[in-house]
Amino acid sequence: MLHYANIWEINIKYCEQMLKISVLVDNEPGRGLFGEWGLSIYAEYGKTKILFDADTNPSVLDYNAGKLEIDLSKLDFAVLSHYHYDHTGGFKLVGEVAPSLTVYVPPGPGHELEELGLKPVVVEKTVEVFKGVYVIGPLEVWKDFYEIALAIKLEGKGLVLLVGCSHPGVDKIALKAQKDTGNRVYHVIGGFHGPSKETLDKLAEIATYISASHCSGNSAKNYLSRKYSEKYREVRTGTIIEY
């Protein structure tokens, strides 16, 4: 297995399932990989293989997945956080390599994924789609526009929470995940959508570890790394985290 960019491990004893997170695409490139404005994260939870969002460009997603030795044809299901192209664009590739794959989606234009040969399943409330795996939401951003998130439970630690752009507020998503599942938030990874310092302070009260990527912005990253150095963990394209 090739490892790229900054790799760090969280070792958890007695965990029912091992969890491995691989950042397939982020704005920031990793060594030997392409970065672009978008987000896609791959999760292996035991034998279950999950794709969270699919970036902008199918070619970039395909290239990076190949370099990281990730076979997208073996996915068990996917989650789309929201209907913006920098999260949906790569689903064209997914539809080609994994036709009829179930994709959990927020309310919205699901026909776009059906046209790609995929099977969208609309999430109307937080649901446990597999033992220890939750789709969080939907949270309304504005009229008829919603966002969902993916949470995976680590026994004895809490949730690893993957967020797309956090339009509703990353702190609000984390609080909803905590409330709906009855588990504390252990690690939040993904786009925070240029959050305020107040939002980041609230998030730091909730989560043990924080990894801002994609649309979070350098201001948010710098603030977190300065004020919450014990919590902040940098991620970029190619980052691999093993719990």
C-alpha atoms as a PDB file:
ATOM      1  CA  MET A   1       0.000   0.000   0.000  1.00  0.00           C
ATOM      2  CA  LEU A   2       1.387   3.380  -1.016  1.00  0.00           C
ATOM      3  CA  HIS A   3       0.969   6.168   1.512  1.00  0.00           C
ATOM      4  CA  TYR A   4       0.931   9.799   0.495  1.00  0.00           C
ATOM      5  CA  ALA A   5       1.070  13.241   2.099  1.00  0.00           C
ATOM      6  CA  ASN A   6       0.806  13.550   5.853  1.00  0.00           C
ATOM      7  CA  ILE A   7      -0.185  10.289   7.495  1.00  0.00           C
ATOM      8  CA  TRP A   8      -1.035   9.907  11.143  1.00  0.00           C
ATOM      9  CA  GLU A   9      -2.549   7.119  13.127  1.00  0.00           C
ATOM     10  CA  ILE A  10      -4.944   6.890  16.038  1.00  0.00           C
ATOM     11  CA  ASN A  11      -4.628   3.483  17.628  1.00  0.00           C
ATOM     12  CA  ILE A  12      -7.726   2.346  19.484  1.00  0.00           C
ATOM     13  CA  LYS A  13      -7.706  -0.859  21.491  1.00  0.00           C
ATOM     14  CA  TYR A  14     -10.690  -3.168  21.583  1.00  0.00           C
ATOM     15  CA  CYS A  15     -12.426  -1.437  18.673  1.00  0.00           C
ATOM     16  CA  GLU A  16     -15.112  -3.653  17.156  1.00  0.00           C
ATOM     17  CA  GLN A  17     -14.243  -2.430  13.670  1.00  0.00           C
ATOM     18  CA  MET A  18     -11.040  -0.940  12.319  1.00  0.00           C
ATOM     19  CA  LEU A  19     -11.569   2.307  10.409  1.00  0.00           C
ATOM     20  CA  LYS A  20      -9.343   3.676   7.671  1.00  0.00           C
ATOM     21  CA  ILE A  21      -9.993   7.079   6.102  1.00  0.00           C
ATOM     22  CA  SER A  22      -8.344   8.054   2.799  1.00  0.00           C
ATOM     23  CA  VAL A  23      -8.712  11.561   1.369  1.00  0.00           C
ATOM     24  CA  LEU A  24      -9.122  10.894  -2.349  1.00  0.00           C
ATOM     25  CA  VAL A  25      -9.442  14.515  -3.439  1.00  0.00           C
ATOM     26  CA  ASP A  26      -9.029  17.826  -1.625  1.00  0.00           C
ATOM     27  CA  ASN A  27      -8.052  21.317  -2.774  1.00  0.00           C
ATOM     28  CA  GLU A  28      -4.516  20.721  -1.505  1.00  0.00           C
ATOM     29  CA  PRO A  29      -2.542  18.100  -3.485  1.00  0.00           C
ATOM     30  CA  GLY A  30      -0.491  15.336  -1.931  1.00  0.00           C
ATOM     31  CA  ARG A  31       2.738  13.924  -3.336  1.00  0.00           C
ATOM     32  CA  GLY A  32       2.110  12.286  -6.702  1.00  0.00           C
ATOM     33  CA  LEU A  33      -1.600  13.118  -6.614  1.00  0.00           C
ATOM     34  CA  PHE A  34      -3.885  15.773  -8.068  1.00  0.00           C
ATOM     35  CA  GLY A  35      -5.699  18.309  -5.922  1.00  0.00           C
ATOM     36  CA  GLU A  36      -8.503  20.554  -7.102  1.00  0.00           C
ATOM     37  CA  TRP A  37     -11.480  22.468  -5.735  1.00  0.00           C
ATOM     38  CA  GLY A  38     -13.577  19.589  -4.478  1.00  0.00           C
ATOM     39  CA  LEU A  39     -13.805  16.839  -1.900  1.00  0.00           C
ATOM     40  CA  SER A  40     -13.977  13.053  -1.889  1.00  0.00           C
ATOM     41  CA  ILE A  41     -13.204  10.759   1.040  1.00  0.00           C
ATOM     42  CA  TYR A  42     -13.029   6.956   1.090  1.00  0.00           C
ATOM     43  CA  ALA A  43     -13.721   4.997   4.275  1.00  0.00           C
ATOM     44  CA  GLU A  44     -13.091   1.337   5.064  1.00  0.00           C
ATOM     45  CA  TYR A  45     -14.935   0.232   8.185  1.00  0.00           C
ATOM     46  CA  GLY A  46     -14.095  -3.397   8.722  1.00  0.00           C
ATOM     47  CA  LYS A  47     -15.035  -4.924   5.372  1.00  0.00           C
ATOM     48  CA  THR A  48     -17.473  -2.143   4.476  1.00  0.00           C
ATOM     49  CA  LYS A  49     -16.285   0.299   1.802  1.00  0.00           C
ATOM     50  CA  ILE A  50     -17.877   3.743   1.628  1.00  0.00           C
ATOM     51  CA  LEU A  51     -17.416   6.773  -0.611  1.00  0.00           C
ATOM     52  CA  PHE A  52     -18.278  10.190   0.812  1.00  0.00           C
ATOM     53  CA  ASP A  53     -18.735  12.757  -1.967  1.00  0.00           C
ATOM     54  CA  ALA A  54     -17.065  12.434  -5.360  1.00  0.00           C
ATOM     55  CA  ASP A  55     -15.149  15.635  -6.133  1.00  0.00           C
ATOM     56  CA  THR A  56     -15.549  17.679  -9.320  1.00  0.00           C
ATOM     57  CA  ASN A  57     -13.635  15.790 -11.998  1.00  0.00           C
ATOM     58  CA  PRO A  58     -14.096  12.063 -12.709  1.00  0.00           C
ATOM     59  CA  SER A  59     -10.598  11.890 -14.221  1.00  0.00           C
ATOM     60  CA  VAL A  60      -8.958  13.281 -11.077  1.00  0.00           C
ATOM     61  CA  LEU A  61     -10.965  10.947  -8.854  1.00  0.00           C
ATOM     62  CA  ASP A  62     -10.024   7.987 -11.054  1.00  0.00           C
ATOM     63  CA  TYR A  63      -6.324   8.891 -11.113  1.00  0.00           C
ATOM     64  CA  ASN A  64      -6.026   9.436  -7.374  1.00  0.00           C
ATOM     65  CA  ALA A  65      -7.994   6.282  -6.554  1.00  0.00           C
ATOM     66  CA  GLY A  66      -5.634   4.294  -8.767  1.00  0.00           C
ATOM     67  CA  LYS A  67      -2.549   5.759  -7.128  1.00  0.00           C
ATOM     68  CA  LEU A  68      -3.953   5.006  -3.676  1.00  0.00           C
ATOM     69  CA  GLU A  69      -4.896   1.468  -4.781  1.00  0.00           C
ATOM     70  CA  ILE A  70      -8.585   2.034  -4.046  1.00  0.00           C
ATOM     71  CA  ASP A  71     -11.016   0.072  -6.199  1.00  0.00           C
ATOM     72  CA  LEU A  72     -14.199   2.110  -6.519  1.00  0.00           C
ATOM     73  CA  SER A  73     -15.981  -0.818  -8.178  1.00  0.00           C
ATOM     74  CA  LYS A  74     -15.970  -2.572  -4.781  1.00  0.00           C
ATOM     75  CA  LEU A  75     -17.943   0.112  -2.937  1.00  0.00           C
ATOM     76  CA  ASP A  76     -20.813  -1.001  -0.713  1.00  0.00           C
ATOM     77  CA  PHE A  77     -22.529   2.393  -0.798  1.00  0.00           C
ATOM     78  CA  ALA A  78     -21.843   6.110  -1.100  1.00  0.00           C
ATOM     79  CA  VAL A  79     -23.050   9.319   0.531  1.00  0.00           C
ATOM     80  CA  LEU A  80     -23.542  12.669  -1.192  1.00  0.00           C
ATOM     81  CA  SER A  81     -23.455  15.541   1.279  1.00  0.00           C
ATOM     82  CA  HIS A  82     -25.180  18.079  -0.981  1.00  0.00           C
ATOM     83  CA  TYR A  83     -25.923  18.876  -4.606  1.00  0.00           C
ATOM     84  CA  HIS A  84     -22.990  21.086  -5.578  1.00  0.00           C
ATOM     85  CA  TYR A  85     -20.811  20.090  -8.519  1.00  0.00           C
ATOM     86  CA  ASP A  86     -17.567  20.008  -6.531  1.00  0.00           C
ATOM     87  CA  HIS A  87     -19.093  17.068  -4.646  1.00  0.00           C
ATOM     88  CA  THR A  88     -21.175  15.407  -7.386  1.00  0.00           C
ATOM     89  CA  GLY A  89     -18.950  15.615 -10.471  1.00  0.00           C
ATOM     90  CA  GLY A  90     -17.068  12.360  -9.919  1.00  0.00           C
ATOM     91  CA  PHE A  91     -20.241  10.302  -9.570  1.00  0.00           C
ATOM     92  CA  LYS A  92     -20.135   9.934 -13.354  1.00  0.00           C
ATOM     93  CA  LEU A  93     -17.120   7.654 -12.819  1.00  0.00           C
ATOM     94  CA  VAL A  94     -18.802   5.856  -9.931  1.00  0.00           C
ATOM     95  CA  GLY A  95     -21.850   5.112 -12.086  1.00  0.00           C
ATOM     96  CA  GLU A  96     -19.578   3.554 -14.700  1.00  0.00           C
ATOM     97  CA  VAL A  97     -17.531   1.334 -12.375  1.00  0.00           C
ATOM     98  CA  ALA A  98     -20.221   0.540  -9.771  1.00  0.00           C
ATOM     99  CA  PRO A  99     -23.597   0.669 -11.547  1.00  0.00           C
ATOM    100  CA  SER A 100     -26.720   0.568  -9.348  1.00  0.00           C
ATOM    101  CA  LEU A 101     -24.689   1.566  -6.292  1.00  0.00           C
ATOM    102  CA  THR A 102     -26.826   2.940  -3.456  1.00  0.00           C
ATOM    103  CA  VAL A 103     -26.067   6.607  -2.774  1.00  0.00           C
ATOM    104  CA  TYR A 104     -27.605   8.238   0.304  1.00  0.00           C
ATOM    105  CA  VAL A 105     -28.591  11.791  -0.604  1.00  0.00           C
ATOM    106  CA  PRO A 106     -30.386  14.791   0.917  1.00  0.00           C
ATOM    107  CA  PRO A 107     -33.712  15.917  -0.565  1.00  0.00           C
ATOM    108  CA  GLY A 108     -33.039  17.376  -4.002  1.00  0.00           C
ATOM    109  CA  PRO A 109     -32.477  16.470  -7.654  1.00  0.00           C
ATOM    110  CA  GLY A 110     -31.815  12.755  -7.199  1.00  0.00           C
ATOM    111  CA  HIS A 111     -32.653  12.125 -10.843  1.00  0.00           C
ATOM    112  CA  GLU A 112     -29.175  13.432 -11.691  1.00  0.00           C
ATOM    113  CA  LEU A 113     -27.647  10.361 -10.052  1.00  0.00           C
ATOM    114  CA  GLU A 114     -30.256   8.023 -11.538  1.00  0.00           C
ATOM    115  CA  GLU A 115     -29.202   9.241 -14.978  1.00  0.00           C
ATOM    116  CA  LEU A 116     -25.665   8.124 -14.118  1.00  0.00           C
ATOM    117  CA  GLY A 117     -26.877   4.593 -13.342  1.00  0.00           C
ATOM    118  CA  LEU A 118     -26.840   5.001  -9.571  1.00  0.00           C
ATOM    119  CA  LYS A 119     -29.545   4.389  -6.967  1.00  0.00           C
ATOM    120  CA  PRO A 120     -30.173   7.500  -4.854  1.00  0.00           C
ATOM    121  CA  VAL A 121     -31.875   6.968  -1.495  1.00  0.00           C
ATOM    122  CA  VAL A 122     -33.227  10.168   0.059  1.00  0.00           C
ATOM    123  CA  VAL A 123     -32.418  10.663   3.749  1.00  0.00           C
ATOM    124  CA  GLU A 124     -35.288  12.318   5.616  1.00  0.00           C
ATOM    125  CA  LYS A 125     -33.835  11.945   9.115  1.00  0.00           C
ATOM    126  CA  THR A 126     -30.690  10.596  10.737  1.00  0.00           C
ATOM    127  CA  VAL A 127     -30.501   6.875  10.018  1.00  0.00           C
ATOM    128  CA  GLU A 128     -28.145   4.019  10.909  1.00  0.00           C
ATOM    129  CA  VAL A 129     -27.495   2.507   7.477  1.00  0.00           C
ATOM    130  CA  PHE A 130     -25.071  -0.142   8.765  1.00  0.00           C
ATOM    131  CA  LYS A 131     -24.095  -1.125  12.275  1.00  0.00           C
ATOM    132  CA  GLY A 132     -22.200   1.846  13.652  1.00  0.00           C
ATOM    133  CA  VAL A 133     -22.556   3.898  10.440  1.00  0.00           C
ATOM    134  CA  TYR A 134     -24.973   6.833  10.413  1.00  0.00           C
ATOM    135  CA  VAL A 135     -26.108   9.311   7.813  1.00  0.00           C
ATOM    136  CA  ILE A 136     -26.750  12.552   9.699  1.00  0.00           C
ATOM    137  CA  GLY A 137     -29.440  15.017   8.729  1.00  0.00           C
ATOM    138  CA  PRO A 138     -30.760  16.467   6.641  1.00  0.00           C
ATOM    139  CA  LEU A 139     -30.096  20.006   7.810  1.00  0.00           C
ATOM    140  CA  GLU A 140     -31.752  22.812   5.854  1.00  0.00           C
ATOM    141  CA  VAL A 141     -29.406  25.484   4.495  1.00  0.00           C
ATOM    142  CA  TRP A 142     -31.997  27.567   2.715  1.00  0.00           C
ATOM    143  CA  LYS A 143     -35.379  26.812   1.172  1.00  0.00           C
ATOM    144  CA  ASP A 144     -35.301  23.411  -0.552  1.00  0.00           C
ATOM    145  CA  PHE A 145     -31.527  23.023  -0.139  1.00  0.00           C
ATOM    146  CA  TYR A 146     -30.213  20.506   2.385  1.00  0.00           C
ATOM    147  CA  GLU A 147     -26.974  18.930   3.515  1.00  0.00           C
ATOM    148  CA  ILE A 148     -26.211  15.580   5.177  1.00  0.00           C
ATOM    149  CA  ALA A 149     -23.086  14.107   6.767  1.00  0.00           C
ATOM    150  CA  LEU A 150     -21.592  10.682   7.495  1.00  0.00           C
ATOM    151  CA  ALA A 151     -20.697   9.476  10.995  1.00  0.00           C
ATOM    152  CA  ILE A 152     -18.871   6.251  11.858  1.00  0.00           C
ATOM    153  CA  LYS A 153     -18.733   4.998  15.430  1.00  0.00           C
ATOM    154  CA  LEU A 154     -15.491   3.989  17.104  1.00  0.00           C
ATOM    155  CA  GLU A 155     -16.264   1.907  20.162  1.00  0.00           C
ATOM    156  CA  GLY A 156     -15.191   3.669  23.333  1.00  0.00           C
ATOM    157  CA  LYS A 157     -14.194   6.881  21.528  1.00  0.00           C
ATOM    158  CA  GLY A 158     -17.097   8.331  19.588  1.00  0.00           C
ATOM    159  CA  LEU A 159     -17.891   9.398  16.056  1.00  0.00           C
ATOM    160  CA  VAL A 160     -15.643  10.107  13.117  1.00  0.00           C
ATOM    161  CA  LEU A 161     -17.758  12.712  11.336  1.00  0.00           C
ATOM    162  CA  LEU A 162     -17.271  13.458   7.630  1.00  0.00           C
ATOM    163  CA  VAL A 163     -18.732  16.741   6.390  1.00  0.00           C
ATOM    164  CA  GLY A 164     -18.965  18.115   2.862  1.00  0.00           C
ATOM    165  CA  CYS A 165     -19.171  21.920   2.984  1.00  0.00           C
ATOM    166  CA  SER A 166     -20.971  22.435   6.303  1.00  0.00           C
ATOM    167  CA  HIS A 167     -23.274  25.098   4.906  1.00  0.00           C
ATOM    168  CA  PRO A 168     -25.564  24.776   7.973  1.00  0.00           C
ATOM    169  CA  GLY A 169     -22.526  25.276  10.255  1.00  0.00           C
ATOM    170  CA  VAL A 170     -20.032  22.568  11.147  1.00  0.00           C
ATOM    171  CA  ASP A 171     -20.799  23.053  14.850  1.00  0.00           C
ATOM    172  CA  LYS A 172     -24.508  22.500  14.202  1.00  0.00           C
ATOM    173  CA  ILE A 173     -23.809  19.339  12.210  1.00  0.00           C
ATOM    174  CA  ALA A 174     -21.586  18.011  15.007  1.00  0.00           C
ATOM    175  CA  LEU A 175     -24.217  18.764  17.625  1.00  0.00           C
ATOM    176  CA  LYS A 176     -26.900  17.031  15.575  1.00  0.00           C
ATOM    177  CA  ALA A 177     -24.687  13.977  15.103  1.00  0.00           C
ATOM    178  CA  GLN A 178     -24.082  13.843  18.828  1.00  0.00           C
ATOM    179  CA  LYS A 179     -27.744  14.285  19.725  1.00  0.00           C
ATOM    180  CA  ASP A 180     -29.178  11.892  17.124  1.00  0.00           C
ATOM    181  CA  THR A 181     -26.752   9.013  17.738  1.00  0.00           C
ATOM    182  CA  GLY A 182     -26.108   9.405  21.457  1.00  0.00           C
ATOM    183  CA  ASN A 183     -22.345   9.372  20.842  1.00  0.00           C
ATOM    184  CA  ARG A 184     -19.774  12.109  21.359  1.00  0.00           C
ATOM    185  CA  VAL A 185     -17.864  13.442  18.343  1.00  0.00           C
ATOM    186  CA  TYR A 186     -14.292  12.210  18.239  1.00  0.00           C
ATOM    187  CA  HIS A 187     -12.950  13.576  14.939  1.00  0.00           C
ATOM    188  CA  VAL A 188     -14.476  15.955  12.365  1.00  0.00           C
ATOM    189  CA  ILE A 189     -13.028  15.902   8.834  1.00  0.00           C
ATOM    190  CA  GLY A 190     -14.071  17.901   5.769  1.00  0.00           C
ATOM    191  CA  GLY A 191     -15.099  21.301   4.472  1.00  0.00           C
ATOM    192  CA  PHE A 192     -16.162  23.938   6.997  1.00  0.00           C
ATOM    193  CA  HIS A 193     -17.201  26.677   4.507  1.00  0.00           C
ATOM    194  CA  GLY A 194     -15.107  29.609   5.760  1.00  0.00           C
ATOM    195  CA  PRO A 195     -16.359  29.394   9.366  1.00  0.00           C
ATOM    196  CA  SER A 196     -16.229  32.156  11.943  1.00  0.00           C
ATOM    197  CA  LYS A 197     -13.928  31.912  14.951  1.00  0.00           C
ATOM    198  CA  GLU A 198     -17.038  31.508  17.097  1.00  0.00           C
ATOM    199  CA  THR A 199     -18.113  28.475  15.072  1.00  0.00           C
ATOM    200  CA  LEU A 200     -14.650  26.940  15.406  1.00  0.00           C
ATOM    201  CA  ASP A 201     -14.601  27.607  19.146  1.00  0.00           C
ATOM    202  CA  LYS A 202     -17.935  25.820  19.496  1.00  0.00           C
ATOM    203  CA  LEU A 203     -16.659  22.932  17.406  1.00  0.00           C
ATOM    204  CA  ALA A 204     -13.570  22.646  19.585  1.00  0.00           C
ATOM    205  CA  GLU A 205     -15.819  22.233  22.625  1.00  0.00           C
ATOM    206  CA  ILE A 206     -17.554  19.305  20.914  1.00  0.00           C
ATOM    207  CA  ALA A 207     -14.826  17.393  19.060  1.00  0.00           C
ATOM    208  CA  THR A 208     -11.594  15.774  20.257  1.00  0.00           C
ATOM    209  CA  TYR A 209      -9.847  16.188  16.887  1.00  0.00           C
ATOM    210  CA  ILE A 210     -10.526  18.577  14.004  1.00  0.00           C
ATOM    211  CA  SER A 211      -9.376  18.409  10.379  1.00  0.00           C
ATOM    212  CA  ALA A 212     -10.429  21.335   8.182  1.00  0.00           C
ATOM    213  CA  SER A 213     -10.164  20.874   4.417  1.00  0.00           C
ATOM    214  CA  HIS A 214     -11.683  21.850   1.065  1.00  0.00           C
ATOM    215  CA  CYS A 215     -13.708  25.087   1.500  1.00  0.00           C
ATOM    216  CA  SER A 216     -12.597  25.784   5.083  1.00  0.00           C
ATOM    217  CA  GLY A 217     -10.040  28.413   4.070  1.00  0.00           C
ATOM    218  CA  ASN A 218      -6.551  29.195   5.320  1.00  0.00           C
ATOM    219  CA  SER A 219      -7.856  31.564   7.987  1.00  0.00           C
ATOM    220  CA  ALA A 220      -9.784  28.744   9.650  1.00  0.00           C
ATOM    221  CA  LYS A 221      -6.866  26.330   9.356  1.00  0.00           C
ATOM    222  CA  ASN A 222      -4.402  28.843  10.803  1.00  0.00           C
ATOM    223  CA  TYR A 223      -6.763  29.715  13.647  1.00  0.00           C
ATOM    224  CA  LEU A 224      -7.275  26.075  14.564  1.00  0.00           C
ATOM    225  CA  SER A 225      -3.574  25.220  14.360  1.00  0.00           C
ATOM    226  CA  ARG A 226      -2.681  28.185  16.589  1.00  0.00           C
ATOM    227  CA  LYS A 227      -5.432  28.041  19.206  1.00  0.00           C
ATOM    228  CA  TYR A 228      -6.185  24.319  19.212  1.00  0.00           C
ATOM    229  CA  SER A 229      -2.870  22.724  18.277  1.00  0.00           C
ATOM    230  CA  GLU A 230      -3.674  19.696  20.436  1.00  0.00           C
ATOM    231  CA  LYS A 231      -6.864  19.104  18.450  1.00  0.00           C
ATOM    232  CA  TYR A 232      -5.966  20.163  14.916  1.00  0.00           C
ATOM    233  CA  ARG A 233      -4.750  17.591  12.408  1.00  0.00           C
ATOM    234  CA  GLU A 234      -3.925  18.698   8.870  1.00  0.00           C
ATOM    235  CA  VAL A 235      -5.341  16.713   5.957  1.00  0.00           C
ATOM    236  CA  ARG A 236      -4.996  17.000   2.193  1.00  0.00           C
ATOM    237  CA  THR A 237      -5.267  14.834  -0.910  1.00  0.00           C
ATOM    238  CA  GLY A 238      -3.663  11.497  -0.070  1.00  0.00           C
ATOM    239  CA  THR A 239      -3.890  11.765   3.704  1.00  0.00           C
ATOM    240  CA  ILE A 240      -4.539   8.361   5.260  1.00  0.00           C
ATOM    241  CA  ILE A 241      -5.806   8.052   8.825  1.00  0.00           C
ATOM    242  CA  GLU A 242      -5.977   4.662  10.499  1.00  0.00           C
ATOM    243  CA  TYR A 243      -7.974   4.265  13.702  1.00  0.00           C
END
